[in-house]
Amino acid sequence: MKWQILFFGLRDYIRESSAKISADTLGWLAAIVLHAATVPTTLALITGLSDRTPNLDIVLFLWTGLVLLFLRAVVLKDILNIITIGVGFMVQAALMALILFK
């Protein structure tokens, strides 16, 4: 009888927590993918493999989305996303500075 209570309690806990873990993981991966969207063209520009910059509208939409995700993380006090998006902003700013001061 006690094992059934333990089993059903564990099953319910896994169901409830897996949805939250999956949602948090997907949100974190979304921020990383958004940051990585312009990295290939930026690195190609820095290394001289290409002379074409990323389209300004794409960059602006990506940064706007990232700022909104960052503000959401601040409101929710989600430290992992705050750190992830903040580090991504710093890396992208450094890449842009390399292009500008090349």
PDB file of N, CA and C in Angstrom:
ATOM      1  N   MET A   1       0.818  -1.189   0.000  1.00  0.00           N
ATOM      2  CA  MET A   1       0.000   0.000   0.000  1.00  0.00           C
ATOM      3  C   MET A   1       0.866   1.259   0.000  1.00  0.00           C
ATOM      4  N   LYS A   2       1.931   1.275   0.809  1.00  0.00           N
ATOM      5  CA  LYS A   2       2.790   2.451   0.853  1.00  0.00           C
ATOM      6  C   LYS A   2       3.556   2.642  -0.448  1.00  0.00           C
ATOM      7  N   TRP A   3       3.913   1.543  -1.085  1.00  0.00           N
ATOM      8  CA  TRP A   3       4.649   1.674  -2.337  1.00  0.00           C
ATOM      9  C   TRP A   3       3.774   2.294  -3.418  1.00  0.00           C
ATOM     10  N   GLN A   4       2.459   2.056  -3.381  1.00  0.00           N
ATOM     11  CA  GLN A   4       1.558   2.663  -4.359  1.00  0.00           C
ATOM     12  C   GLN A   4       1.481   4.177  -4.152  1.00  0.00           C
ATOM     13  N   ILE A   5       1.428   4.589  -2.911  1.00  0.00           N
ATOM     14  CA  ILE A   5       1.401   6.026  -2.609  1.00  0.00           C
ATOM     15  C   ILE A   5       2.699   6.670  -3.073  1.00  0.00           C
ATOM     16  N   LEU A   6       3.813   6.013  -2.792  1.00  0.00           N
ATOM     17  CA  LEU A   6       5.116   6.527  -3.226  1.00  0.00           C
ATOM     18  C   LEU A   6       5.215   6.571  -4.742  1.00  0.00           C
ATOM     19  N   PHE A   7       4.768   5.496  -5.392  1.00  0.00           N
ATOM     20  CA  PHE A   7       4.833   5.425  -6.852  1.00  0.00           C
ATOM     21  C   PHE A   7       3.996   6.520  -7.502  1.00  0.00           C
ATOM     22  N   PHE A   8       2.741   6.666  -7.056  1.00  0.00           N
ATOM     23  CA  PHE A   8       1.865   7.669  -7.656  1.00  0.00           C
ATOM     24  C   PHE A   8       2.331   9.090  -7.332  1.00  0.00           C
ATOM     25  N   GLY A   9       2.871   9.288  -6.148  1.00  0.00           N
ATOM     26  CA  GLY A   9       3.424  10.601  -5.802  1.00  0.00           C
ATOM     27  C   GLY A   9       4.617  10.950  -6.666  1.00  0.00           C
ATOM     28  N   LEU A  10       5.497   9.975  -6.881  1.00  0.00           N
ATOM     29  CA  LEU A  10       6.673  10.190  -7.732  1.00  0.00           C
ATOM     30  C   LEU A  10       6.254  10.439  -9.173  1.00  0.00           C
ATOM     31  N   ARG A  11       5.268   9.661  -9.650  1.00  0.00           N
ATOM     32  CA  ARG A  11       4.781   9.836 -11.014  1.00  0.00           C
ATOM     33  C   ARG A  11       4.199  11.237 -11.222  1.00  0.00           C
ATOM     34  N   ASP A  12       3.409  11.714 -10.276  1.00  0.00           N
ATOM     35  CA  ASP A  12       2.816  13.049 -10.381  1.00  0.00           C
ATOM     36  C   ASP A  12       3.889  14.142 -10.333  1.00  0.00           C
ATOM     37  N   TYR A  13       4.883  13.944  -9.474  1.00  0.00           N
ATOM     38  CA  TYR A  13       5.972  14.927  -9.386  1.00  0.00           C
ATOM     39  C   TYR A  13       6.730  15.010 -10.707  1.00  0.00           C
ATOM     40  N   ILE A  14       7.028  13.878 -11.316  1.00  0.00           N
ATOM     41  CA  ILE A  14       7.759  13.864 -12.591  1.00  0.00           C
ATOM     42  C   ILE A  14       6.934  14.534 -13.676  1.00  0.00           C
ATOM     43  N   ARG A  15       5.637  14.267 -13.709  1.00  0.00           N
ATOM     44  CA  ARG A  15       4.786  14.899 -14.723  1.00  0.00           C
ATOM     45  C   ARG A  15       4.758  16.413 -14.567  1.00  0.00           C
ATOM     46  N   GLU A  16       4.626  16.891 -13.357  1.00  0.00           N
ATOM     47  CA  GLU A  16       4.540  18.332 -13.113  1.00  0.00           C
ATOM     48  C   GLU A  16       5.868  19.028 -13.364  1.00  0.00           C
ATOM     49  N   SER A  17       6.951  18.434 -12.908  1.00  0.00           N
ATOM     50  CA  SER A  17       8.247  19.105 -13.039  1.00  0.00           C
ATOM     51  C   SER A  17       8.816  18.992 -14.444  1.00  0.00           C
ATOM     52  N   SER A  18       8.493  17.918 -15.185  1.00  0.00           N
ATOM     53  CA  SER A  18       9.053  17.782 -16.529  1.00  0.00           C
ATOM     54  C   SER A  18       8.507  18.844 -17.465  1.00  0.00           C
ATOM     55  N   ALA A  19       7.267  19.260 -17.292  1.00  0.00           N
ATOM     56  CA  ALA A  19       6.714  20.323 -18.135  1.00  0.00           C
ATOM     57  C   ALA A  19       7.441  21.634 -17.877  1.00  0.00           C
ATOM     58  N   LYS A  20       7.726  21.943 -16.619  1.00  0.00           N
ATOM     59  CA  LYS A  20       8.439  23.175 -16.295  1.00  0.00           C
ATOM     60  C   LYS A  20       9.876  23.113 -16.780  1.00  0.00           C
ATOM     61  N   ILE A  21      10.522  21.960 -16.582  1.00  0.00           N
ATOM     62  CA  ILE A  21      11.907  21.815 -17.033  1.00  0.00           C
ATOM     63  C   ILE A  21      11.979  21.940 -18.544  1.00  0.00           C
ATOM     64  N   SER A  22      11.062  21.325 -19.260  1.00  0.00           N
ATOM     65  CA  SER A  22      11.061  21.397 -20.712  1.00  0.00           C
ATOM     66  C   SER A  22      10.822  22.819 -21.193  1.00  0.00           C
ATOM     67  N   ALA A  23       9.893  23.528 -20.570  1.00  0.00           N
ATOM     68  CA  ALA A  23       9.607  24.903 -20.969  1.00  0.00           C
ATOM     69  C   ALA A  23      10.807  25.800 -20.694  1.00  0.00           C
ATOM     70  N   ASP A  24      11.441  25.636 -19.549  1.00  0.00           N
ATOM     71  CA  ASP A  24      12.623  26.439 -19.232  1.00  0.00           C
ATOM     72  C   ASP A  24      13.772  26.139 -20.185  1.00  0.00           C
ATOM     73  N   THR A  25      13.967  24.868 -20.502  1.00  0.00           N
ATOM     74  CA  THR A  25      15.040  24.481 -21.419  1.00  0.00           C
ATOM     75  C   THR A  25      14.798  25.053 -22.804  1.00  0.00           C
ATOM     76  N   LEU A  26      13.566  24.986 -23.265  1.00  0.00           N
ATOM     77  CA  LEU A  26      13.262  25.537 -24.587  1.00  0.00           C
ATOM     78  C   LEU A  26      13.454  27.048 -24.622  1.00  0.00           C
ATOM     79  N   GLY A  27      13.081  27.743 -23.563  1.00  0.00           N
ATOM     80  CA  GLY A  27      13.303  29.191 -23.504  1.00  0.00           C
ATOM     81  C   GLY A  27      14.773  29.536 -23.514  1.00  0.00           C
ATOM     82  N   TRP A  28      15.564  28.773 -22.782  1.00  0.00           N
ATOM     83  CA  TRP A  28      17.010  28.998 -22.742  1.00  0.00           C
ATOM     84  C   TRP A  28      17.637  28.721 -24.106  1.00  0.00           C
ATOM     85  N   LEU A  29      17.235  27.630 -24.753  1.00  0.00           N
ATOM     86  CA  LEU A  29      17.752  27.319 -26.089  1.00  0.00           C
ATOM     87  C   LEU A  29      17.319  28.358 -27.118  1.00  0.00           C
ATOM     88  N   ALA A  30      16.120  28.909 -26.966  1.00  0.00           N
ATOM     89  CA  ALA A  30      15.656  29.948 -27.890  1.00  0.00           C
ATOM     90  C   ALA A  30      16.552  31.175 -27.817  1.00  0.00           C
ATOM     91  N   ALA A  31      16.951  31.564 -26.617  1.00  0.00           N
ATOM     92  CA  ALA A  31      17.844  32.718 -26.473  1.00  0.00           C
ATOM     93  C   ALA A  31      19.195  32.445 -27.125  1.00  0.00           C
ATOM     94  N   ILE A  32      19.718  31.247 -26.960  1.00  0.00           N
ATOM     95  CA  ILE A  32      21.014  30.904 -27.565  1.00  0.00           C
ATOM     96  C   ILE A  32      20.916  30.890 -29.084  1.00  0.00           C
ATOM     97  N   VAL A  33      19.843  30.317 -29.628  1.00  0.00           N
ATOM     98  CA  VAL A  33      19.680  30.271 -31.081  1.00  0.00           C
ATOM     99  C   VAL A  33      19.515  31.676 -31.654  1.00  0.00           C
ATOM    100  N   LEU A  34      18.789  32.547 -30.960  1.00  0.00           N
ATOM    101  CA  LEU A  34      18.639  33.919 -31.434  1.00  0.00           C
ATOM    102  C   LEU A  34      19.983  34.641 -31.467  1.00  0.00           C
ATOM    103  N   HIS A  35      20.799  34.417 -30.439  1.00  0.00           N
ATOM    104  CA  HIS A  35      22.119  35.040 -30.431  1.00  0.00           C
ATOM    105  C   HIS A  35      22.994  34.488 -31.555  1.00  0.00           C
ATOM    106  N   ALA A  36      22.860  33.221 -31.848  1.00  0.00           N
ATOM    107  CA  ALA A  36      23.719  32.583 -32.843  1.00  0.00           C
ATOM    108  C   ALA A  36      23.283  32.867 -34.279  1.00  0.00           C
ATOM    109  N   ALA A  37      22.155  33.510 -34.475  1.00  0.00           N
ATOM    110  CA  ALA A  37      21.623  33.716 -35.822  1.00  0.00           C
ATOM    111  C   ALA A  37      22.545  34.558 -36.707  1.00  0.00           C
ATOM    112  N   THR A  38      23.201  35.545 -36.152  1.00  0.00           N
ATOM    113  CA  THR A  38      24.041  36.421 -36.968  1.00  0.00           C
ATOM    114  C   THR A  38      25.533  36.116 -36.840  1.00  0.00           C
ATOM    115  N   VAL A  39      25.879  35.132 -36.018  1.00  0.00           N
ATOM    116  CA  VAL A  39      27.304  34.832 -35.800  1.00  0.00           C
ATOM    117  C   VAL A  39      28.009  34.357 -37.075  1.00  0.00           C
ATOM    118  N   PRO A  40      27.455  33.448 -37.886  1.00  0.00           N
ATOM    119  CA  PRO A  40      28.194  33.006 -39.076  1.00  0.00           C
ATOM    120  C   PRO A  40      28.544  34.134 -40.045  1.00  0.00           C
ATOM    121  N   THR A  41      27.582  35.019 -40.322  1.00  0.00           N
ATOM    122  CA  THR A  41      27.889  36.106 -41.248  1.00  0.00           C
ATOM    123  C   THR A  41      28.847  37.112 -40.627  1.00  0.00           C
ATOM    124  N   THR A  42      28.742  37.320 -39.322  1.00  0.00           N
ATOM    125  CA  THR A  42      29.658  38.239 -38.648  1.00  0.00           C
ATOM    126  C   THR A  42      31.081  37.693 -38.654  1.00  0.00           C
ATOM    127  N   LEU A  43      31.243  36.421 -38.367  1.00  0.00           N
ATOM    128  CA  LEU A  43      32.582  35.818 -38.400  1.00  0.00           C
ATOM    129  C   LEU A  43      33.149  35.793 -39.815  1.00  0.00           C
ATOM    130  N   ALA A  44      32.307  35.540 -40.818  1.00  0.00           N
ATOM    131  CA  ALA A  44      32.766  35.581 -42.206  1.00  0.00           C
ATOM    132  C   ALA A  44      33.235  36.984 -42.576  1.00  0.00           C
ATOM    133  N   LEU A  45      32.557  37.987 -42.074  1.00  0.00           N
ATOM    134  CA  LEU A  45      32.948  39.369 -42.334  1.00  0.00           C
ATOM    135  C   LEU A  45      34.271  39.699 -41.648  1.00  0.00           C
ATOM    136  N   ILE A  46      34.441  39.238 -40.417  1.00  0.00           N
ATOM    137  CA  ILE A  46      35.676  39.513 -39.674  1.00  0.00           C
ATOM    138  C   ILE A  46      36.872  38.828 -40.318  1.00  0.00           C
ATOM    139  N   THR A  47      36.700  37.582 -40.737  1.00  0.00           N
ATOM    140  CA  THR A  47      37.815  36.825 -41.311  1.00  0.00           C
ATOM    141  C   THR A  47      38.079  37.165 -42.771  1.00  0.00           C
ATOM    142  N   GLY A  48      37.233  37.949 -43.380  1.00  0.00           N
ATOM    143  CA  GLY A  48      37.448  38.362 -44.761  1.00  0.00           C
ATOM    144  C   GLY A  48      36.884  37.393 -45.785  1.00  0.00           C
ATOM    145  N   LEU A  49      36.133  36.407 -45.355  1.00  0.00           N
ATOM    146  CA  LEU A  49      35.540  35.462 -46.293  1.00  0.00           C
ATOM    147  C   LEU A  49      34.363  36.071 -47.044  1.00  0.00           C
ATOM    148  N   SER A  50      33.808  37.129 -46.507  1.00  0.00           N
ATOM    149  CA  SER A  50      32.673  37.790 -47.131  1.00  0.00           C
ATOM    150  C   SER A  50      32.778  39.284 -46.870  1.00  0.00           C
ATOM    151  N   ASP A  51      32.200  40.060 -47.765  1.00  0.00           N
ATOM    152  CA  ASP A  51      32.172  41.502 -47.544  1.00  0.00           C
ATOM    153  C   ASP A  51      30.742  41.991 -47.310  1.00  0.00           C
ATOM    154  N   ARG A  52      29.815  41.055 -47.150  1.00  0.00           N
ATOM    155  CA  ARG A  52      28.414  41.392 -46.928  1.00  0.00           C
ATOM    156  C   ARG A  52      28.082  41.326 -45.448  1.00  0.00           C
ATOM    157  N   THR A  53      27.536  42.408 -44.928  1.00  0.00           N
ATOM    158  CA  THR A  53      27.115  42.442 -43.531  1.00  0.00           C
ATOM    159  C   THR A  53      25.715  41.820 -43.401  1.00  0.00           C
ATOM    160  N   PRO A  54      25.358  41.374 -42.201  1.00  0.00           N
ATOM    161  CA  PRO A  54      23.977  40.889 -42.018  1.00  0.00           C
ATOM    162  C   PRO A  54      22.990  42.016 -42.281  1.00  0.00           C
ATOM    163  N   ASN A  55      21.833  41.672 -42.799  1.00  0.00           N
ATOM    164  CA  ASN A  55      20.814  42.689 -43.065  1.00  0.00           C
ATOM    165  C   ASN A  55      20.425  43.388 -41.772  1.00  0.00           C
ATOM    166  N   LEU A  56      20.296  44.697 -41.842  1.00  0.00           N
ATOM    167  CA  LEU A  56      20.007  45.490 -40.648  1.00  0.00           C
ATOM    168  C   LEU A  56      18.662  45.135 -40.041  1.00  0.00           C
ATOM    169  N   ASP A  57      17.653  44.890 -40.881  1.00  0.00           N
ATOM    170  CA  ASP A  57      16.333  44.572 -40.330  1.00  0.00           C
ATOM    171  C   ASP A  57      16.342  43.251 -39.563  1.00  0.00           C
ATOM    172  N   ILE A  58      17.099  42.277 -40.037  1.00  0.00           N
ATOM    173  CA  ILE A  58      17.190  40.999 -39.326  1.00  0.00           C
ATOM    174  C   ILE A  58      17.864  41.196 -37.978  1.00  0.00           C
ATOM    175  N   VAL A  59      18.944  41.951 -37.976  1.00  0.00           N
ATOM    176  CA  VAL A  59      19.668  42.197 -36.728  1.00  0.00           C
ATOM    177  C   VAL A  59      18.790  42.954 -35.737  1.00  0.00           C
ATOM    178  N   LEU A  60      18.060  43.955 -36.218  1.00  0.00           N
ATOM    179  CA  LEU A  60      17.193  44.730 -35.328  1.00  0.00           C
ATOM    180  C   LEU A  60      16.065  43.883 -34.747  1.00  0.00           C
ATOM    181  N   PHE A  61      15.453  43.029 -35.576  1.00  0.00           N
ATOM    182  CA  PHE A  61      14.402  42.157 -35.066  1.00  0.00           C
ATOM    183  C   PHE A  61      14.955  41.158 -34.049  1.00  0.00           C
ATOM    184  N   LEU A  62      16.129  40.599 -34.325  1.00  0.00           N
ATOM    185  CA  LEU A  62      16.737  39.657 -33.382  1.00  0.00           C
ATOM    186  C   LEU A  62      17.056  40.332 -32.055  1.00  0.00           C
ATOM    187  N   TRP A  63      17.674  41.510 -32.119  1.00  0.00           N
ATOM    188  CA  TRP A  63      18.026  42.218 -30.885  1.00  0.00           C
ATOM    189  C   TRP A  63      16.775  42.656 -30.130  1.00  0.00           C
ATOM    190  N   THR A  64      15.717  43.053 -30.838  1.00  0.00           N
ATOM    191  CA  THR A  64      14.469  43.420 -30.171  1.00  0.00           C
ATOM    192  C   THR A  64      13.875  42.217 -29.455  1.00  0.00           C
ATOM    193  N   GLY A  65      13.875  41.070 -30.120  1.00  0.00           N
ATOM    194  CA  GLY A  65      13.395  39.849 -29.482  1.00  0.00           C
ATOM    195  C   GLY A  65      14.226  39.478 -28.271  1.00  0.00           C
ATOM    196  N   LEU A  66      15.533  39.632 -28.378  1.00  0.00           N
ATOM    197  CA  LEU A  66      16.408  39.315 -27.250  1.00  0.00           C
ATOM    198  C   LEU A  66      16.217  40.285 -26.089  1.00  0.00           C
ATOM    199  N   VAL A  67      16.020  41.552 -26.395  1.00  0.00           N
ATOM    200  CA  VAL A  67      15.763  42.528 -25.331  1.00  0.00           C
ATOM    201  C   VAL A  67      14.455  42.188 -24.625  1.00  0.00           C
ATOM    202  N   LEU A  68      13.432  41.800 -25.388  1.00  0.00           N
ATOM    203  CA  LEU A  68      12.164  41.420 -24.771  1.00  0.00           C
ATOM    204  C   LEU A  68      12.318  40.167 -23.909  1.00  0.00           C
ATOM    205  N   LEU A  69      13.079  39.176 -24.396  1.00  0.00           N
ATOM    206  CA  LEU A  69      13.347  37.989 -23.579  1.00  0.00           C
ATOM    207  C   LEU A  69      14.143  38.346 -22.327  1.00  0.00           C
ATOM    208  N   PHE A  70      15.069  39.288 -22.465  1.00  0.00           N
ATOM    209  CA  PHE A  70      15.870  39.721 -21.324  1.00  0.00           C
ATOM    210  C   PHE A  70      14.986  40.407 -20.280  1.00  0.00           C
ATOM    211  N   LEU A  71      14.099  41.283 -20.741  1.00  0.00           N
ATOM    212  CA  LEU A  71      13.186  41.971 -19.820  1.00  0.00           C
ATOM    213  C   LEU A  71      12.243  40.975 -19.140  1.00  0.00           C
ATOM    214  N   ARG A  72      11.789  39.978 -19.891  1.00  0.00           N
ATOM    215  CA  ARG A  72      10.951  38.936 -19.300  1.00  0.00           C
ATOM    216  C   ARG A  72      11.707  38.196 -18.207  1.00  0.00           C
ATOM    217  N   ALA A  73      12.971  37.872 -18.486  1.00  0.00           N
ATOM    218  CA  ALA A  73      13.779  37.163 -17.491  1.00  0.00           C
ATOM    219  C   ALA A  73      14.003  38.021 -16.252  1.00  0.00           C
ATOM    220  N   VAL A  74      14.173  39.330 -16.447  1.00  0.00           N
ATOM    221  CA  VAL A  74      14.363  40.221 -15.300  1.00  0.00           C
ATOM    222  C   VAL A  74      13.091  40.277 -14.454  1.00  0.00           C
ATOM    223  N   VAL A  75      11.937  40.389 -15.106  1.00  0.00           N
ATOM    224  CA  VAL A  75      10.674  40.449 -14.376  1.00  0.00           C
ATOM    225  C   VAL A  75      10.440  39.145 -13.607  1.00  0.00           C
ATOM    226  N   LEU A  76      10.765  38.007 -14.241  1.00  0.00           N
ATOM    227  CA  LEU A  76      10.564  36.705 -13.590  1.00  0.00           C
ATOM    228  C   LEU A  76      11.712  36.323 -12.661  1.00  0.00           C
ATOM    229  N   LYS A  77      12.762  37.154 -12.638  1.00  0.00           N
ATOM    230  CA  LYS A  77      13.961  36.884 -11.834  1.00  0.00           C
ATOM    231  C   LYS A  77      14.578  35.538 -12.190  1.00  0.00           C
ATOM    232  N   ASP A  78      14.660  35.281 -13.502  1.00  0.00           N
ATOM    233  CA  ASP A  78      15.221  34.036 -14.032  1.00  0.00           C
ATOM    234  C   ASP A  78      16.711  34.254 -14.283  1.00  0.00           C
ATOM    235  N   ILE A  79      17.525  33.896 -13.314  1.00  0.00           N
ATOM    236  CA  ILE A  79      18.954  34.200 -13.341  1.00  0.00           C
ATOM    237  C   ILE A  79      19.652  33.542 -14.525  1.00  0.00           C
ATOM    238  N   LEU A  80      19.291  32.296 -14.848  1.00  0.00           N
ATOM    239  CA  LEU A  80      19.956  31.602 -15.957  1.00  0.00           C
ATOM    240  C   LEU A  80      19.773  32.357 -17.268  1.00  0.00           C
ATOM    241  N   ASN A  81      18.556  32.786 -17.573  1.00  0.00           N
ATOM    242  CA  ASN A  81      18.317  33.527 -18.808  1.00  0.00           C
ATOM    243  C   ASN A  81      18.930  34.925 -18.760  1.00  0.00           C
ATOM    244  N   ILE A  82      18.936  35.558 -17.594  1.00  0.00           N
ATOM    245  CA  ILE A  82      19.578  36.872 -17.486  1.00  0.00           C
ATOM    246  C   ILE A  82      21.060  36.755 -17.821  1.00  0.00           C
ATOM    247  N   ILE A  83      21.719  35.754 -17.265  1.00  0.00           N
ATOM    248  CA  ILE A  83      23.149  35.565 -17.519  1.00  0.00           C
ATOM    249  C   ILE A  83      23.387  35.174 -18.969  1.00  0.00           C
ATOM    250  N   THR A  84      22.583  34.225 -19.488  1.00  0.00           N
ATOM    251  CA  THR A  84      22.768  33.755 -20.862  1.00  0.00           C
ATOM    252  C   THR A  84      22.604  34.890 -21.870  1.00  0.00           C
ATOM    253  N   ILE A  85      21.534  35.632 -21.744  1.00  0.00           N
ATOM    254  CA  ILE A  85      21.275  36.709 -22.698  1.00  0.00           C
ATOM    255  C   ILE A  85      22.282  37.845 -22.503  1.00  0.00           C
ATOM    256  N   GLY A  86      22.641  38.148 -21.260  1.00  0.00           N
ATOM    257  CA  GLY A  86      23.640  39.194 -21.006  1.00  0.00           C
ATOM    258  C   GLY A  86      24.996  38.859 -21.601  1.00  0.00           C
ATOM    259  N   VAL A  87      25.434  37.604 -21.432  1.00  0.00           N
ATOM    260  CA  VAL A  87      26.713  37.181 -22.028  1.00  0.00           C
ATOM    261  C   VAL A  87      26.617  37.227 -23.551  1.00  0.00           C
ATOM    262  N   GLY A  88      25.472  36.827 -24.088  1.00  0.00           N
ATOM    263  CA  GLY A  88      25.281  36.894 -25.542  1.00  0.00           C
ATOM    264  C   GLY A  88      25.372  38.322 -26.062  1.00  0.00           C
ATOM    265  N   PHE A  89      24.787  39.267 -25.339  1.00  0.00           N
ATOM    266  CA  PHE A  89      24.897  40.670 -25.742  1.00  0.00           C
ATOM    267  C   PHE A  89      26.354  41.129 -25.732  1.00  0.00           C
ATOM    268  N   MET A  90      27.095  40.719 -24.715  1.00  0.00           N
ATOM    269  CA  MET A  90      28.505  41.127 -24.639  1.00  0.00           C
ATOM    270  C   MET A  90      29.321  40.534 -25.785  1.00  0.00           C
ATOM    271  N   VAL A  91      29.078  39.267 -26.111  1.00  0.00           N
ATOM    272  CA  VAL A  91      29.814  38.632 -27.212  1.00  0.00           C
ATOM    273  C   VAL A  91      29.472  39.302 -28.533  1.00  0.00           C
ATOM    274  N   GLN A  92      28.193  39.568 -28.762  1.00  0.00           N
ATOM    275  CA  GLN A  92      27.818  40.228 -30.020  1.00  0.00           C
ATOM    276  C   GLN A  92      28.360  41.647 -30.096  1.00  0.00           C
ATOM    277  N   ALA A  93      28.378  42.353 -28.975  1.00  0.00           N
ATOM    278  CA  ALA A  93      28.950  43.701 -28.975  1.00  0.00           C
ATOM    279  C   ALA A  93      30.445  43.646 -29.282  1.00  0.00           C
ATOM    280  N   ALA A  94      31.133  42.646 -28.748  1.00  0.00           N
ATOM    281  CA  ALA A  94      32.567  42.496 -29.034  1.00  0.00           C
ATOM    282  C   ALA A  94      32.793  42.180 -30.510  1.00  0.00           C
ATOM    283  N   LEU A  95      31.963  41.315 -31.093  1.00  0.00           N
ATOM    284  CA  LEU A  95      32.097  41.017 -32.521  1.00  0.00           C
ATOM    285  C   LEU A  95      31.841  42.262 -33.370  1.00  0.00           C
ATOM    286  N   MET A  96      30.839  43.042 -32.989  1.00  0.00           N
ATOM    287  CA  MET A  96      30.574  44.281 -33.729  1.00  0.00           C
ATOM    288  C   MET A  96      31.719  45.275 -33.571  1.00  0.00           C
ATOM    289  N   ALA A  97      32.317  45.331 -32.408  1.00  0.00           N
ATOM    290  CA  ALA A  97      33.459  46.228 -32.203  1.00  0.00           C
ATOM    291  C   ALA A  97      34.653  45.780 -33.057  1.00  0.00           C
ATOM    292  N   LEU A  98      34.846  44.466 -33.195  1.00  0.00           N
ATOM    293  CA  LEU A  98      35.927  43.974 -34.061  1.00  0.00           C
ATOM    294  C   LEU A  98      35.692  44.402 -35.516  1.00  0.00           C
ATOM    295  N   ILE A  99      34.441  44.358 -35.945  1.00  0.00           N
ATOM    296  CA  ILE A  99      34.130  44.781 -37.311  1.00  0.00           C
ATOM    297  C   ILE A  99      34.337  46.279 -37.458  1.00  0.00           C
ATOM    298  N   LEU A 100      33.868  47.044 -36.488  1.00  0.00           N
ATOM    299  CA  LEU A 100      33.944  48.489 -36.580  1.00  0.00           C
ATOM    300  C   LEU A 100      35.385  49.010 -36.530  1.00  0.00           C
ATOM    301  N   PHE A 101      36.195  48.432 -35.673  1.00  0.00           N
ATOM    302  CA  PHE A 101      37.555  48.921 -35.491  1.00  0.00           C
ATOM    303  C   PHE A 101      38.601  48.126 -36.270  1.00  0.00           C
ATOM    304  N   LYS A 102      38.161  47.340 -37.231  1.00  0.00           N
ATOM    305  CA  LYS A 102      39.082  46.537 -38.043  1.00  0.00           C
ATOM    306  C   LYS A 102      39.898  47.394 -38.961  1.00  0.00           C
TER     307      LYS A 102
END
